[in-house]
């Protein structure tokens, strides 16, 4: 009888281990979550880190949004920027609406700016698609937990590949 109980426990351990290891949808996790991707995404997120082609970039610098006056490696926004943002907040509503809130410094005066979009997941829920100014922008989900989100976008232009990685932390503040 003891051998049978040990065998049942071992089968359960292997089964749970296999189940949990196969649940990981995103490259950096989580391995398992009881919350749906929609529930984890919904809320207010503060931009905490930006990488361009795997090089850390100051998230308050505008260069990662628009490296020069005429081009943008990550063309989400058409705001006339100076060279500094104080913060970037992304808000994803549960009805599919969203907005980016920028606190921009122009000639030492902080000015708020808001850009609106709609969002949805692709069929596999591995990408978020933003509808912004009649353009669909696909962001690969690298990590999506209740508190952390990492998104990536790869673009090709001028014969080069540009990858922008954005890391966000969930905020408890609300921007209205």
C-alpha atoms as a PDB file:
ATOM      1  CA  UNK A   1       0.000   0.000   0.000  1.00  0.00           C
ATOM      2  CA  UNK A   2       2.874   2.402   0.775  1.00  0.00           C
ATOM      3  CA  UNK A   3       4.411   1.787  -2.649  1.00  0.00           C
ATOM      4  CA  UNK A   4       1.098   2.622  -4.297  1.00  0.00           C
ATOM      5  CA  UNK A   5       0.797   5.909  -2.335  1.00  0.00           C
ATOM      6  CA  UNK A   6       4.404   6.871  -3.173  1.00  0.00           C
ATOM      7  CA  UNK A   7       3.753   6.106  -6.841  1.00  0.00           C
ATOM      8  CA  UNK A   8       0.610   8.287  -6.826  1.00  0.00           C
ATOM      9  CA  UNK A   9       2.499  11.162  -5.178  1.00  0.00           C
ATOM     10  CA  UNK A  10       5.329  10.908  -7.734  1.00  0.00           C
ATOM     11  CA  UNK A  11       2.882  10.892 -10.641  1.00  0.00           C
ATOM     12  CA  UNK A  12       1.155  13.966  -9.199  1.00  0.00           C
ATOM     13  CA  UNK A  13       4.478  15.792  -8.754  1.00  0.00           C
ATOM     14  CA  UNK A  14       5.561  15.021 -12.329  1.00  0.00           C
ATOM     15  CA  UNK A  15       2.130  15.982 -13.667  1.00  0.00           C
ATOM     16  CA  UNK A  16       2.069  19.310 -11.827  1.00  0.00           C
ATOM     17  CA  UNK A  17       5.647  20.058 -12.881  1.00  0.00           C
ATOM     18  CA  UNK A  18       4.828  19.308 -16.524  1.00  0.00           C
ATOM     19  CA  UNK A  19       1.633  21.385 -16.346  1.00  0.00           C
ATOM     20  CA  UNK A  20       3.368  24.403 -14.814  1.00  0.00           C
ATOM     21  CA  UNK A  21       6.290  24.284 -17.224  1.00  0.00           C
ATOM     22  CA  UNK A  22       3.965  24.163 -20.232  1.00  0.00           C
ATOM     23  CA  UNK A  23       1.870  27.127 -19.035  1.00  0.00           C
ATOM     24  CA  UNK A  24       4.507  29.773 -19.689  1.00  0.00           C
ATOM     25  CA  UNK A  25       3.157  31.883 -22.531  1.00  0.00           C
ATOM     26  CA  UNK A  26       5.670  34.722 -22.444  1.00  0.00           C
ATOM     27  CA  UNK A  27       9.442  34.590 -22.786  1.00  0.00           C
ATOM     28  CA  UNK A  28      10.077  36.003 -19.290  1.00  0.00           C
ATOM     29  CA  UNK A  29       6.962  34.734 -17.583  1.00  0.00           C
ATOM     30  CA  UNK A  30       5.113  34.337 -15.463  1.00  0.00           C
ATOM     31  CA  UNK A  31       5.250  30.558 -15.514  1.00  0.00           C
ATOM     32  CA  UNK A  32       1.717  30.366 -14.181  1.00  0.00           C
ATOM     33  CA  UNK A  33      -0.992  32.896 -13.406  1.00  0.00           C
ATOM     34  CA  UNK A  34      -4.583  32.610 -12.254  1.00  0.00           C
ATOM     35  CA  UNK A  35      -5.345  36.009 -13.820  1.00  0.00           C
ATOM     36  CA  UNK A  36      -6.051  36.295 -17.517  1.00  0.00           C
ATOM     37  CA  UNK A  37      -3.721  38.395 -19.681  1.00  0.00           C
ATOM     38  CA  UNK A  38      -6.545  40.973 -20.009  1.00  0.00           C
ATOM     39  CA  UNK A  39      -6.816  41.343 -16.238  1.00  0.00           C
ATOM     40  CA  UNK A  40      -3.047  41.634 -15.833  1.00  0.00           C
ATOM     41  CA  UNK A  41      -2.759  44.250 -18.601  1.00  0.00           C
ATOM     42  CA  UNK A  42      -5.658  46.434 -17.468  1.00  0.00           C
ATOM     43  CA  UNK A  43      -4.503  49.349 -15.347  1.00  0.00           C
ATOM     44  CA  UNK A  44      -2.010  52.196 -15.169  1.00  0.00           C
ATOM     45  CA  UNK A  45       1.634  51.518 -16.040  1.00  0.00           C
ATOM     46  CA  UNK A  46       4.660  53.777 -15.600  1.00  0.00           C
ATOM     47  CA  UNK A  47       7.554  53.438 -18.042  1.00  0.00           C
ATOM     48  CA  UNK A  48      10.612  52.369 -16.045  1.00  0.00           C
ATOM     49  CA  UNK A  49      13.189  51.259 -18.621  1.00  0.00           C
ATOM     50  CA  UNK A  50      13.891  51.556 -22.346  1.00  0.00           C
ATOM     51  CA  UNK A  51      16.408  49.583 -24.407  1.00  0.00           C
ATOM     52  CA  UNK A  52      17.270  50.324 -28.025  1.00  0.00           C
ATOM     53  CA  UNK A  53      18.956  47.362 -29.713  1.00  0.00           C
ATOM     54  CA  UNK A  54      19.762  45.965 -26.246  1.00  0.00           C
ATOM     55  CA  UNK A  55      21.399  49.223 -25.095  1.00  0.00           C
ATOM     56  CA  UNK A  56      19.898  50.903 -22.035  1.00  0.00           C
ATOM     57  CA  UNK A  57      18.457  54.350 -22.829  1.00  0.00           C
ATOM     58  CA  UNK A  58      17.312  57.026 -20.384  1.00  0.00           C
ATOM     59  CA  UNK A  59      13.479  56.765 -20.445  1.00  0.00           C
ATOM     60  CA  UNK A  60      13.195  60.512 -19.851  1.00  0.00           C
ATOM     61  CA  UNK A  61      15.165  61.196 -23.032  1.00  0.00           C
ATOM     62  CA  UNK A  62      13.105  61.678 -26.145  1.00  0.00           C
ATOM     63  CA  UNK A  63      15.780  60.214 -28.406  1.00  0.00           C
ATOM     64  CA  UNK A  64      14.291  56.716 -28.175  1.00  0.00           C
ATOM     65  CA  UNK A  65      10.906  58.016 -29.371  1.00  0.00           C
ATOM     66  CA  UNK A  66      12.219  60.269 -32.100  1.00  0.00           C
ATOM     67  CA  UNK A  67      15.994  60.168 -32.690  1.00  0.00           C
ATOM     68  CA  UNK A  68      15.832  63.198 -34.948  1.00  0.00           C
ATOM     69  CA  UNK A  69      13.232  65.654 -36.147  1.00  0.00           C
ATOM     70  CA  UNK A  70      12.215  63.610 -39.217  1.00  0.00           C
ATOM     71  CA  UNK A  71      12.264  59.965 -38.140  1.00  0.00           C
ATOM     72  CA  UNK A  72      11.119  57.776 -35.311  1.00  0.00           C
ATOM     73  CA  UNK A  73      12.241  54.232 -34.600  1.00  0.00           C
ATOM     74  CA  UNK A  74       9.127  53.748 -32.513  1.00  0.00           C
ATOM     75  CA  UNK A  75       6.516  55.865 -34.327  1.00  0.00           C
ATOM     76  CA  UNK A  76       3.736  55.818 -31.769  1.00  0.00           C
ATOM     77  CA  UNK A  77       3.454  59.506 -31.216  1.00  0.00           C
ATOM     78  CA  UNK A  78       3.301  62.739 -33.155  1.00  0.00           C
ATOM     79  CA  UNK A  79       3.943  65.187 -30.332  1.00  0.00           C
ATOM     80  CA  UNK A  80       6.365  68.096 -30.875  1.00  0.00           C
ATOM     81  CA  UNK A  81       8.947  67.125 -28.270  1.00  0.00           C
ATOM     82  CA  UNK A  82      11.734  69.065 -26.664  1.00  0.00           C
ATOM     83  CA  UNK A  83      14.487  66.833 -25.336  1.00  0.00           C
ATOM     84  CA  UNK A  84      13.006  65.750 -21.983  1.00  0.00           C
ATOM     85  CA  UNK A  85       9.959  63.942 -20.625  1.00  0.00           C
ATOM     86  CA  UNK A  86       9.348  63.776 -16.915  1.00  0.00           C
ATOM     87  CA  UNK A  87       7.194  60.674 -17.142  1.00  0.00           C
ATOM     88  CA  UNK A  88       5.328  58.411 -19.520  1.00  0.00           C
ATOM     89  CA  UNK A  89       2.252  56.591 -18.283  1.00  0.00           C
ATOM     90  CA  UNK A  90       0.326  53.939 -20.259  1.00  0.00           C
ATOM     91  CA  UNK A  91      -3.281  53.267 -19.297  1.00  0.00           C
ATOM     92  CA  UNK A  92      -5.050  50.151 -20.593  1.00  0.00           C
ATOM     93  CA  UNK A  93      -8.811  50.121 -19.899  1.00  0.00           C
ATOM     94  CA  UNK A  94     -10.739  46.848 -19.753  1.00  0.00           C
ATOM     95  CA  UNK A  95     -13.006  47.986 -22.619  1.00  0.00           C
ATOM     96  CA  UNK A  96     -10.083  48.117 -25.083  1.00  0.00           C
ATOM     97  CA  UNK A  97      -9.458  51.851 -24.867  1.00  0.00           C
ATOM     98  CA  UNK A  98      -6.109  53.222 -23.793  1.00  0.00           C
ATOM     99  CA  UNK A  99      -3.975  56.301 -23.571  1.00  0.00           C
ATOM    100  CA  UNK A 100      -0.402  57.390 -23.157  1.00  0.00           C
ATOM    101  CA  UNK A 101       0.105  60.319 -20.829  1.00  0.00           C
ATOM    102  CA  UNK A 102       3.318  62.322 -21.180  1.00  0.00           C
ATOM    103  CA  UNK A 103       4.588  65.027 -18.884  1.00  0.00           C
ATOM    104  CA  UNK A 104       6.879  66.916 -21.237  1.00  0.00           C
ATOM    105  CA  UNK A 105       9.300  69.707 -20.419  1.00  0.00           C
ATOM    106  CA  UNK A 106       9.389  72.390 -23.103  1.00  0.00           C
ATOM    107  CA  UNK A 107      11.735  75.291 -22.378  1.00  0.00           C
ATOM    108  CA  UNK A 108      11.681  74.338 -18.668  1.00  0.00           C
ATOM    109  CA  UNK A 109       7.855  74.338 -18.484  1.00  0.00           C
ATOM    110  CA  UNK A 110       6.151  71.004 -17.758  1.00  0.00           C
ATOM    111  CA  UNK A 111       3.226  70.386 -20.106  1.00  0.00           C
ATOM    112  CA  UNK A 112       0.960  67.327 -20.146  1.00  0.00           C
ATOM    113  CA  UNK A 113       0.104  65.580 -23.402  1.00  0.00           C
ATOM    114  CA  UNK A 114      -2.203  62.628 -23.986  1.00  0.00           C
ATOM    115  CA  UNK A 115      -2.400  60.267 -26.961  1.00  0.00           C
ATOM    116  CA  UNK A 116      -5.387  57.887 -27.278  1.00  0.00           C
ATOM    117  CA  UNK A 117      -5.472  54.403 -28.789  1.00  0.00           C
ATOM    118  CA  UNK A 118      -7.475  51.190 -28.744  1.00  0.00           C
ATOM    119  CA  UNK A 119      -5.863  47.857 -27.955  1.00  0.00           C
ATOM    120  CA  UNK A 120      -6.458  44.147 -28.296  1.00  0.00           C
ATOM    121  CA  UNK A 121      -4.496  40.903 -28.151  1.00  0.00           C
ATOM    122  CA  UNK A 122      -3.670  38.795 -31.182  1.00  0.00           C
ATOM    123  CA  UNK A 123      -5.186  35.321 -31.406  1.00  0.00           C
ATOM    124  CA  UNK A 124      -2.450  33.666 -29.289  1.00  0.00           C
ATOM    125  CA  UNK A 125      -2.332  36.567 -26.788  1.00  0.00           C
ATOM    126  CA  UNK A 126       1.414  36.871 -27.360  1.00  0.00           C
ATOM    127  CA  UNK A 127       1.177  40.361 -28.863  1.00  0.00           C
ATOM    128  CA  UNK A 128      -0.722  43.540 -28.061  1.00  0.00           C
ATOM    129  CA  UNK A 129      -1.985  45.429 -31.089  1.00  0.00           C
ATOM    130  CA  UNK A 130      -2.504  49.172 -30.686  1.00  0.00           C
ATOM    131  CA  UNK A 131      -4.751  51.007 -33.141  1.00  0.00           C
ATOM    132  CA  UNK A 132      -3.316  54.508 -33.201  1.00  0.00           C
ATOM    133  CA  UNK A 133      -3.997  57.139 -35.882  1.00  0.00           C
ATOM    134  CA  UNK A 134      -5.239  54.496 -38.352  1.00  0.00           C
ATOM    135  CA  UNK A 135      -2.042  52.475 -37.883  1.00  0.00           C
ATOM    136  CA  UNK A 136      -1.778  49.055 -36.232  1.00  0.00           C
ATOM    137  CA  UNK A 137       1.281  48.790 -33.984  1.00  0.00           C
ATOM    138  CA  UNK A 138       2.208  45.294 -32.814  1.00  0.00           C
ATOM    139  CA  UNK A 139       4.086  44.938 -29.530  1.00  0.00           C
ATOM    140  CA  UNK A 140       5.414  41.525 -28.515  1.00  0.00           C
ATOM    141  CA  UNK A 141       4.739  40.654 -24.882  1.00  0.00           C
ATOM    142  CA  UNK A 142       7.976  39.498 -23.241  1.00  0.00           C
ATOM    143  CA  UNK A 143       6.685  39.608 -19.658  1.00  0.00           C
ATOM    144  CA  UNK A 144       3.213  40.297 -18.234  1.00  0.00           C
ATOM    145  CA  UNK A 145       2.615  39.909 -14.512  1.00  0.00           C
ATOM    146  CA  UNK A 146       0.307  41.802 -12.175  1.00  0.00           C
ATOM    147  CA  UNK A 147       3.121  44.295 -11.431  1.00  0.00           C
ATOM    148  CA  UNK A 148       5.552  44.180 -14.397  1.00  0.00           C
ATOM    149  CA  UNK A 149       5.177  44.359 -18.168  1.00  0.00           C
ATOM    150  CA  UNK A 150       7.877  44.153 -20.852  1.00  0.00           C
ATOM    151  CA  UNK A 151       6.987  44.867 -24.479  1.00  0.00           C
ATOM    152  CA  UNK A 152       9.181  44.745 -27.570  1.00  0.00           C
ATOM    153  CA  UNK A 153       8.875  46.055 -31.117  1.00  0.00           C
ATOM    154  CA  UNK A 154      11.224  45.217 -33.963  1.00  0.00           C
ATOM    155  CA  UNK A 155      11.296  47.344 -37.093  1.00  0.00           C
ATOM    156  CA  UNK A 156      13.412  47.298 -40.210  1.00  0.00           C
ATOM    157  CA  UNK A 157      14.342  50.433 -42.076  1.00  0.00           C
ATOM    158  CA  UNK A 158      17.260  51.649 -44.135  1.00  0.00           C
ATOM    159  CA  UNK A 159      18.571  48.086 -44.221  1.00  0.00           C
ATOM    160  CA  UNK A 160      18.906  47.877 -40.425  1.00  0.00           C
ATOM    161  CA  UNK A 161      16.873  46.214 -37.713  1.00  0.00           C
ATOM    162  CA  UNK A 162      15.807  48.300 -34.722  1.00  0.00           C
ATOM    163  CA  UNK A 163      14.452  46.663 -31.560  1.00  0.00           C
ATOM    164  CA  UNK A 164      12.862  48.778 -28.850  1.00  0.00           C
ATOM    165  CA  UNK A 165      12.152  47.140 -25.495  1.00  0.00           C
ATOM    166  CA  UNK A 166       9.924  48.917 -22.981  1.00  0.00           C
ATOM    167  CA  UNK A 167       9.592  47.908 -19.337  1.00  0.00           C
ATOM    168  CA  UNK A 168       6.662  49.175 -17.281  1.00  0.00           C
ATOM    169  CA  UNK A 169       5.744  48.935 -13.601  1.00  0.00           C
ATOM    170  CA  UNK A 170       2.118  48.937 -12.496  1.00  0.00           C
ATOM    171  CA  UNK A 171       1.132  52.222 -10.851  1.00  0.00           C
ATOM    172  CA  UNK A 172      -1.521  52.882  -8.292  1.00  0.00           C
ATOM    173  CA  UNK A 173      -1.980  56.464  -9.525  1.00  0.00           C
ATOM    174  CA  UNK A 174      -4.655  57.575 -11.943  1.00  0.00           C
ATOM    175  CA  UNK A 175      -4.185  60.215 -14.626  1.00  0.00           C
ATOM    176  CA  UNK A 176      -7.465  61.765 -15.757  1.00  0.00           C
END
